[in-house]
Structure formats: C-alpha cells, structure tokens
Amino acid sequence: KIIPTRGTVYDSEGNILANDVTVYKIAFILDSTHQKYAKNDQGEVVLVDDYVVDVNKTAQLISPILGIDESYLIERLSDKSYYQVEVGPKGSELSYDTKNQIEALNLPGIVFTSSTSRYYPNKTFASHLIGYVENQMIDYDYQLVGISGIEGLLNDQLSGQIGYEEYYSDVNGYPLSGGNITIQ
C-alpha cells in the first residue's frame, strides 16, 4: 500500500498555507546484542555493535541538540532493562536538519523513524479558514485527515488516492530481481 502525501494548500498568490513535511523520532538501542553490517576502513563488510556503547558521551553530544537535560538522558540511556528507549516530546517531530546533525556524530545505537506531519508556515494566521488535520487510523495505516476549514472541506481532493505496489519478494520483503513490479 502506498499512502499519498496530502495536497498543498496555496493562497491566491501561490504562497504555501499548508503542506506535508517529513519529521523524525529518535530512539536509542540499549541491548548489547544488537549489531548491524557496516564497512570497515579496508572496505570490508563486517558486523559491528549498534547499541549505545558510551552512555555519557552520547548524552553529552545529543542533549544540546535536542534541548534535553544531560542527566535525564544519562538516566534514560542507563536503564538496560529495555531494548530501546525514546526521550519524549523533545525527541519527536525532529526536522531533517536535526536528524542529519545527529547522524553526523556517528554514534552507535541511534535510530530514527519517519512520519508525515502537516506544516502551516504562517502558524495561526487564518487558522480558522485553513483548518487543521488529525492523524487517524484508516485501513491499518495512519493518515492525515482534514477536520475543519479548507482542510476538512476539501479533504477528498487533498488526501489523494491510496496506491498499491505488487511484487514477488523474499522472506524479508525485498523485491526479487527480475520479478515484475506493478504500481497502481
């Protein structure tokens, strides 16, 4: 299933009033058995540890980026009873630039999940007219649905149509080479 991006709302001069943006949520893997494949200095693919190895260093480098107290982060990352942890609202709805800034640190055990959020560049200006959206579960997937204003009135046009992709895959869900891929 391919979930469409929601349409952009423009004013009469072509300025964006509402559009979709991709946001990210950060999580920290704490389980010492977690590994991933990576290339070493010689270019060989090897298994490497992919969990928060140095709690203090990770907290020291990440806390100023997220605006989270370093001691709180150390406390969260030290609780090895969890496989992975999140850090609340300040670790959610991160921008692409913030995600890249964190990834550039090359710290192990940090993963991101992406989602779509609605962005209103003019904040609350004409908010009653533009309306707003909510993330609702539809057919086992979360989708942005217009609730009021233009967002609600034109919800069918702004939502687009769900597409589908069909292909033969291996046990991990990856398409098999040479197989037909049909996108509708």
C-alpha atoms as a PDB file:
ATOM      1  CA  LYS A   1       0.000   0.000   0.000  1.00  0.00           C
ATOM      2  CA  ILE A   2       1.335   3.447  -0.925  1.00  0.00           C
ATOM      3  CA  ILE A   3      -0.032   6.262   1.240  1.00  0.00           C
ATOM      4  CA  PRO A   4      -0.179   9.510  -0.772  1.00  0.00           C
ATOM      5  CA  THR A   5       1.187  12.776   0.527  1.00  0.00           C
ATOM      6  CA  ARG A   6      -1.527  15.273   1.322  1.00  0.00           C
ATOM      7  CA  GLY A   7      -2.012  18.091  -1.166  1.00  0.00           C
ATOM      8  CA  THR A   8      -0.585  21.542  -0.562  1.00  0.00           C
ATOM      9  CA  VAL A   9      -2.913  24.479   0.133  1.00  0.00           C
ATOM     10  CA  TYR A  10      -1.903  27.763  -1.570  1.00  0.00           C
ATOM     11  CA  ASP A  11      -3.222  31.303  -1.342  1.00  0.00           C
ATOM     12  CA  SER A  12      -4.213  33.292  -4.462  1.00  0.00           C
ATOM     13  CA  GLU A  13      -0.604  34.476  -4.932  1.00  0.00           C
ATOM     14  CA  GLY A  14       0.881  30.960  -4.819  1.00  0.00           C
ATOM     15  CA  ASN A  15       2.190  31.144  -1.260  1.00  0.00           C
ATOM     16  CA  ILE A  16       2.018  27.911   0.727  1.00  0.00           C
ATOM     17  CA  LEU A  17      -0.540  27.942   3.538  1.00  0.00           C
ATOM     18  CA  ALA A  18      -0.352  24.218   4.453  1.00  0.00           C
ATOM     19  CA  ASN A  19       1.838  21.333   3.291  1.00  0.00           C
ATOM     20  CA  ASP A  20       3.245  17.971   4.363  1.00  0.00           C
ATOM     21  CA  VAL A  21       6.685  17.675   5.903  1.00  0.00           C
ATOM     22  CA  THR A  22       8.598  14.602   6.969  1.00  0.00           C
ATOM     23  CA  VAL A  23       9.501  14.577  10.658  1.00  0.00           C
ATOM     24  CA  TYR A  24      11.585  12.114  12.634  1.00  0.00           C
ATOM     25  CA  LYS A  25      11.524  10.449  16.047  1.00  0.00           C
ATOM     26  CA  ILE A  26      14.766   9.368  17.683  1.00  0.00           C
ATOM     27  CA  ALA A  27      15.216   6.130  19.621  1.00  0.00           C
ATOM     28  CA  PHE A  28      18.253   4.700  21.372  1.00  0.00           C
ATOM     29  CA  ILE A  29      19.016   0.977  21.233  1.00  0.00           C
ATOM     30  CA  LEU A  30      20.298  -0.266  24.606  1.00  0.00           C
ATOM     31  CA  ASP A  31      20.514  -4.024  24.007  1.00  0.00           C
ATOM     32  CA  SER A  32      24.181  -5.018  23.716  1.00  0.00           C
ATOM     33  CA  THR A  33      23.348  -7.886  21.330  1.00  0.00           C
ATOM     34  CA  HIS A  34      22.162  -5.514  18.583  1.00  0.00           C
ATOM     35  CA  GLN A  35      24.513  -5.411  15.609  1.00  0.00           C
ATOM     36  CA  LYS A  36      24.456  -4.198  12.015  1.00  0.00           C
ATOM     37  CA  TYR A  37      26.528  -4.641   8.876  1.00  0.00           C
ATOM     38  CA  ALA A  38      28.951  -1.824   8.030  1.00  0.00           C
ATOM     39  CA  LYS A  39      32.103  -1.291   6.019  1.00  0.00           C
ATOM     40  CA  ASN A  40      35.381  -1.111   7.925  1.00  0.00           C
ATOM     41  CA  ASP A  41      38.421   1.027   6.987  1.00  0.00           C
ATOM     42  CA  GLN A  42      39.515  -1.606   4.459  1.00  0.00           C
ATOM     43  CA  GLY A  43      36.126  -1.555   2.741  1.00  0.00           C
ATOM     44  CA  GLU A  44      35.123  -4.988   4.031  1.00  0.00           C
ATOM     45  CA  VAL A  45      31.566  -5.594   5.218  1.00  0.00           C
ATOM     46  CA  VAL A  46      31.630  -6.659   8.864  1.00  0.00           C
ATOM     47  CA  LEU A  47      29.249  -6.913  11.815  1.00  0.00           C
ATOM     48  CA  VAL A  48      29.601  -4.020  14.275  1.00  0.00           C
ATOM     49  CA  ASP A  49      27.956  -3.234  17.600  1.00  0.00           C
ATOM     50  CA  ASP A  50      24.944  -0.980  17.131  1.00  0.00           C
ATOM     51  CA  TYR A  51      23.807  -0.033  20.610  1.00  0.00           C
ATOM     52  CA  VAL A  52      24.590   2.890  22.909  1.00  0.00           C
ATOM     53  CA  VAL A  53      28.082   1.857  23.959  1.00  0.00           C
ATOM     54  CA  ASP A  54      29.161   5.058  25.752  1.00  0.00           C
ATOM     55  CA  VAL A  55      26.158   6.463  27.624  1.00  0.00           C
ATOM     56  CA  ASN A  56      27.950   9.589  28.917  1.00  0.00           C
ATOM     57  CA  LYS A  57      29.415  10.567  25.540  1.00  0.00           C
ATOM     58  CA  THR A  58      26.093  10.000  23.770  1.00  0.00           C
ATOM     59  CA  ALA A  59      24.195  12.064  26.358  1.00  0.00           C
ATOM     60  CA  GLN A  60      26.810  14.842  26.274  1.00  0.00           C
ATOM     61  CA  LEU A  61      26.646  15.174  22.472  1.00  0.00           C
ATOM     62  CA  ILE A  62      22.891  14.678  21.998  1.00  0.00           C
ATOM     63  CA  SER A  63      21.471  16.722  24.904  1.00  0.00           C
ATOM     64  CA  PRO A  64      22.313  20.184  23.486  1.00  0.00           C
ATOM     65  CA  ILE A  65      20.914  19.261  20.056  1.00  0.00           C
ATOM     66  CA  LEU A  66      17.595  18.056  21.479  1.00  0.00           C
ATOM     67  CA  GLY A  67      17.463  20.582  24.325  1.00  0.00           C
ATOM     68  CA  ILE A  68      17.224  17.799  26.891  1.00  0.00           C
ATOM     69  CA  ASP A  69      18.934  17.833  30.286  1.00  0.00           C
ATOM     70  CA  GLU A  70      22.081  15.674  30.086  1.00  0.00           C
ATOM     71  CA  SER A  71      21.399  13.946  33.432  1.00  0.00           C
ATOM     72  CA  TYR A  72      17.894  12.943  32.252  1.00  0.00           C
ATOM     73  CA  LEU A  73      19.382  11.487  29.082  1.00  0.00           C
ATOM     74  CA  ILE A  74      22.035   9.578  31.050  1.00  0.00           C
ATOM     75  CA  GLU A  75      19.299   8.147  33.278  1.00  0.00           C
ATOM     76  CA  ARG A  76      17.212   7.014  30.254  1.00  0.00           C
ATOM     77  CA  LEU A  77      20.205   5.501  28.423  1.00  0.00           C
ATOM     78  CA  SER A  78      21.478   3.663  31.507  1.00  0.00           C
ATOM     79  CA  ASP A  79      18.320   1.584  32.022  1.00  0.00           C
ATOM     80  CA  LYS A  80      19.417  -1.657  30.362  1.00  0.00           C
ATOM     81  CA  SER A  81      16.117  -3.387  31.188  1.00  0.00           C
ATOM     82  CA  TYR A  82      14.746  -2.010  27.895  1.00  0.00           C
ATOM     83  CA  TYR A  83      15.723  -2.986  24.370  1.00  0.00           C
ATOM     84  CA  GLN A  84      15.386   0.624  23.224  1.00  0.00           C
ATOM     85  CA  VAL A  85      14.136   3.895  24.689  1.00  0.00           C
ATOM     86  CA  GLU A  86      12.696   7.158  23.425  1.00  0.00           C
ATOM     87  CA  VAL A  87      13.085  10.516  25.138  1.00  0.00           C
ATOM     88  CA  GLY A  88       9.637  12.093  24.958  1.00  0.00           C
ATOM     89  CA  PRO A  89       8.355  15.103  23.037  1.00  0.00           C
ATOM     90  CA  LYS A  90      11.795  16.671  22.506  1.00  0.00           C
ATOM     91  CA  GLY A  91      12.857  13.519  20.653  1.00  0.00           C
ATOM     92  CA  SER A  92       9.814  13.655  18.369  1.00  0.00           C
ATOM     93  CA  GLU A  93       8.950  15.748  15.321  1.00  0.00           C
ATOM     94  CA  LEU A  94      12.619  16.387  14.588  1.00  0.00           C
ATOM     95  CA  SER A  95      13.489  18.186  11.361  1.00  0.00           C
ATOM     96  CA  TYR A  96      15.605  16.693   8.596  1.00  0.00           C
ATOM     97  CA  ASP A  97      18.453  19.054   9.545  1.00  0.00           C
ATOM     98  CA  THR A  98      18.372  17.965  13.197  1.00  0.00           C
ATOM     99  CA  LYS A  99      18.360  14.304  12.134  1.00  0.00           C
ATOM    100  CA  ASN A 100      21.383  14.904   9.887  1.00  0.00           C
ATOM    101  CA  GLN A 101      23.202  16.794  12.649  1.00  0.00           C
ATOM    102  CA  ILE A 102      22.769  13.800  14.982  1.00  0.00           C
ATOM    103  CA  GLU A 103      23.705  11.264  12.296  1.00  0.00           C
ATOM    104  CA  ALA A 104      26.908  13.217  11.570  1.00  0.00           C
ATOM    105  CA  LEU A 105      28.088  12.369  15.104  1.00  0.00           C
ATOM    106  CA  ASN A 106      28.374   8.693  14.025  1.00  0.00           C
ATOM    107  CA  LEU A 107      27.234   7.427  17.411  1.00  0.00           C
ATOM    108  CA  PRO A 108      26.128   3.785  17.572  1.00  0.00           C
ATOM    109  CA  GLY A 109      22.666   2.753  18.712  1.00  0.00           C
ATOM    110  CA  ILE A 110      20.677   5.686  17.378  1.00  0.00           C
ATOM    111  CA  VAL A 111      17.753   5.003  15.042  1.00  0.00           C
ATOM    112  CA  PHE A 112      15.124   7.255  13.505  1.00  0.00           C
ATOM    113  CA  THR A 113      11.579   6.596  12.358  1.00  0.00           C
ATOM    114  CA  SER A 114       9.912   8.975   9.943  1.00  0.00           C
ATOM    115  CA  SER A 115       6.341  10.151   9.726  1.00  0.00           C
ATOM    116  CA  THR A 116       4.381  12.875   7.973  1.00  0.00           C
ATOM    117  CA  SER A 117       3.188  15.985   9.739  1.00  0.00           C
ATOM    118  CA  ARG A 118       1.223  18.960   8.485  1.00  0.00           C
ATOM    119  CA  TYR A 119       3.104  22.258   8.434  1.00  0.00           C
ATOM    120  CA  TYR A 120       1.498  25.687   8.485  1.00  0.00           C
ATOM    121  CA  PRO A 121       4.198  28.266   7.594  1.00  0.00           C
ATOM    122  CA  ASN A 122       2.108  31.197   8.855  1.00  0.00           C
ATOM    123  CA  LYS A 123       1.389  29.469  12.182  1.00  0.00           C
ATOM    124  CA  THR A 124      -2.062  30.570  13.426  1.00  0.00           C
ATOM    125  CA  PHE A 125      -2.707  33.169  10.705  1.00  0.00           C
ATOM    126  CA  ALA A 126      -6.114  32.397   9.140  1.00  0.00           C
ATOM    127  CA  SER A 127      -6.143  29.084  11.025  1.00  0.00           C
ATOM    128  CA  HIS A 128      -9.948  29.043  11.262  1.00  0.00           C
ATOM    129  CA  LEU A 129     -10.171  29.364   7.489  1.00  0.00           C
ATOM    130  CA  ILE A 130      -7.376  26.894   6.657  1.00  0.00           C
ATOM    131  CA  GLY A 131      -8.456  24.395   9.322  1.00  0.00           C
ATOM    132  CA  TYR A 132      -6.384  21.520  10.623  1.00  0.00           C
ATOM    133  CA  VAL A 133      -5.777  17.788  10.245  1.00  0.00           C
ATOM    134  CA  GLU A 134      -5.585  14.827  12.611  1.00  0.00           C
ATOM    135  CA  ASN A 135      -3.614  11.633  12.281  1.00  0.00           C
ATOM    136  CA  GLN A 136      -6.268   8.882  12.126  1.00  0.00           C
ATOM    137  CA  MET A 137      -6.047   5.111  11.689  1.00  0.00           C
ATOM    138  CA  ILE A 138      -7.592   4.164   8.342  1.00  0.00           C
ATOM    139  CA  ASP A 139      -7.253   0.616   6.973  1.00  0.00           C
ATOM    140  CA  TYR A 140      -4.446  -0.203   9.434  1.00  0.00           C
ATOM    141  CA  ASP A 141      -2.379   2.868   8.471  1.00  0.00           C
ATOM    142  CA  TYR A 142      -2.215   6.343   9.988  1.00  0.00           C
ATOM    143  CA  GLN A 143      -3.276   9.067   7.574  1.00  0.00           C
ATOM    144  CA  LEU A 144      -3.773  12.815   7.871  1.00  0.00           C
ATOM    145  CA  VAL A 145      -7.487  13.653   7.696  1.00  0.00           C
ATOM    146  CA  GLY A 146      -8.899  17.189   7.358  1.00  0.00           C
ATOM    147  CA  ILE A 147     -11.116  18.125  10.285  1.00  0.00           C
ATOM    148  CA  SER A 148     -12.220  21.715   9.668  1.00  0.00           C
ATOM    149  CA  GLY A 149     -11.827  24.671   7.325  1.00  0.00           C
ATOM    150  CA  ILE A 150     -10.351  24.149   3.853  1.00  0.00           C
ATOM    151  CA  GLU A 151      -8.545  21.042   5.139  1.00  0.00           C
ATOM    152  CA  GLY A 152     -11.897  19.444   6.047  1.00  0.00           C
ATOM    153  CA  LEU A 153     -13.972  20.823   3.178  1.00  0.00           C
ATOM    154  CA  LEU A 154     -11.508  19.652   0.511  1.00  0.00           C
ATOM    155  CA  ASN A 155     -10.322  16.548   2.365  1.00  0.00           C
ATOM    156  CA  ASP A 156     -11.152  14.164  -0.513  1.00  0.00           C
ATOM    157  CA  GLN A 157      -9.131  16.224  -3.014  1.00  0.00           C
ATOM    158  CA  LEU A 158      -6.230  16.905  -0.611  1.00  0.00           C
ATOM    159  CA  SER A 159      -5.980  13.279   0.560  1.00  0.00           C
ATOM    160  CA  GLY A 160      -5.303  11.812  -2.856  1.00  0.00           C
ATOM    161  CA  GLN A 161      -5.776   8.128  -3.569  1.00  0.00           C
ATOM    162  CA  ILE A 162      -4.035   5.212  -1.940  1.00  0.00           C
ATOM    163  CA  GLY A 163      -1.811   3.380  -4.392  1.00  0.00           C
ATOM    164  CA  TYR A 164      -0.574  -0.184  -4.414  1.00  0.00           C
ATOM    165  CA  GLU A 165       2.712  -1.824  -5.261  1.00  0.00           C
ATOM    166  CA  GLU A 166       2.793  -5.551  -6.019  1.00  0.00           C
ATOM    167  CA  TYR A 167       5.885  -7.690  -6.466  1.00  0.00           C
ATOM    168  CA  TYR A 168       7.381 -11.047  -5.625  1.00  0.00           C
ATOM    169  CA  SER A 169       9.593 -10.807  -2.559  1.00  0.00           C
ATOM    170  CA  ASP A 170      11.983 -12.850  -0.480  1.00  0.00           C
ATOM    171  CA  VAL A 171      11.248 -13.770   3.143  1.00  0.00           C
ATOM    172  CA  ASN A 172      12.471 -10.327   4.280  1.00  0.00           C
ATOM    173  CA  GLY A 173      10.069  -8.458   1.988  1.00  0.00           C
ATOM    174  CA  TYR A 174      12.696  -7.310  -0.533  1.00  0.00           C
ATOM    175  CA  PRO A 175      11.648  -7.464  -4.211  1.00  0.00           C
ATOM    176  CA  LEU A 176      13.208 -10.341  -6.147  1.00  0.00           C
ATOM    177  CA  SER A 177      15.398  -9.273  -9.041  1.00  0.00           C
ATOM    178  CA  GLY A 178      13.877  -9.957 -12.418  1.00  0.00           C
ATOM    179  CA  GLY A 179      10.372 -10.031 -10.923  1.00  0.00           C
ATOM    180  CA  ASN A 180       7.565  -7.816 -12.152  1.00  0.00           C
ATOM    181  CA  ILE A 181       6.744  -4.747 -10.087  1.00  0.00           C
ATOM    182  CA  THR A 182       3.283  -3.326 -10.600  1.00  0.00           C
ATOM    183  CA  ILE A 183       2.462   0.112  -9.211  1.00  0.00           C
ATOM    184  CA  GLN A 184      -1.092   1.439  -9.292  1.00  0.00           C
END
